[in-house]
Amino acid sequence: MGSTSAQAGTKNLDLRLLHQYVTICRQPTLAAAAAALGVSKPAVSQIVARLEGELGVALFERSRAGMRLLPAGRRLLDLAQTIIEDERDALAEMRGFREHAIPRLRVYVMESLSPLIITALYAALADAVGALSVESGRGETCVPEFLRGEIDLIVSTELFEDMADTVDVHLLCRQDLCLVAPPAASAASLAELAATLPLVRAPDNTRMHGSIARYLAGQGVRPTRELSCRSLSATLEIVCAGRGWALLPPLGAASLRDRLDLVAISPLPDRPPVQKVALAVDRDRFLEMPSTVAVACREALREHTSRLRAGRTASALASVQVY
């Protein structure tokens, strides 16, 4: 018996047997199972006996009333249903690869760069990707989803420096944060702004907030009021309305485009916080695709930066470096 059990434990399960087993378990009687499988009742018994022999355990309790699942049989039914579902998912995914190099890609782009690179990113992926899903928001908020495998490609300020063995990182740009304030307050110092208007800033648990807090402390500036805002567009709306001021990446502030006359954008003194942005994917998962996309994003950033430097944001954009 011990030898039989040991041999049974080394065998691979027959997927066809598992499919038949699930069908048998779902039927109320042996006759119904035979009809569902298109075989005779003795053939159903043979299928069960073969599976029990391969596994080395009894799956059913047999009596004159019929067969009843034993605990091992119930557990195998749960496992078999999961295996069959996984098999179907695998086949469906492989069918997708017949038409596209990447059947599905989930992308997250930080809000401040999205208007500048999203078109270039899409163009670089269009031919290779079947179903492309693109979302935008605060870059740092989606990092946990990326680490859980729910996002495939991420453009954010997270550089994954402690995950170099598992994550490929392609630097896109760096930029010093700049001051964005209502035009009427453009001549005010940071201390004067902090005393008269609320600082509109990123939420407490973000890298951006920590950098800004340390910078202002180093400047001896303590805002009398602060407004936590997760959205860049909402932050800019508040500043445009003359209701606050903010320290933002210049490329994000420049996204106002034809409304730039509603704000004053200027460089910050004394080594302001630096924001680095990168494209990241799981290492070696998509071969050369991430490099191709990164090149396209950098080209788009160079084009936009060159155009924006010809306008009112030139001084703030001087710090922007595209890699």
Foldseek 3Di string as FASTA:
>chain_A
DVVQQVQLVPDDDDLVLLVLLLLCVVDPALCRSCVVVVHDSVVSVVSQVVRCSSNVHHQWDQDPVHTDGDPVVVVSSVVSVVVVVVVVVVVVLVVLCVQAVAAEAAEEEEPLCCVQQVVLLCVLCVRHYNHYHYYYFQQVVCVVCQVVVNHFKYKHLDQPPVPVVWKDKAWFKKAFWWKKAFPVCQPPDLQVQLAPAAEEFADPPDPRVVQVVVVCVVVVHDRPHYHHDRGLVVVLVCRLVRHHMYTGGLSSNCVVPVSNNSIQIAHDPDDGDMGIIIMMGTPPPSPCSVVSSSVSRNVSVVVVLVVPCVDRCVRRSPRMDTD
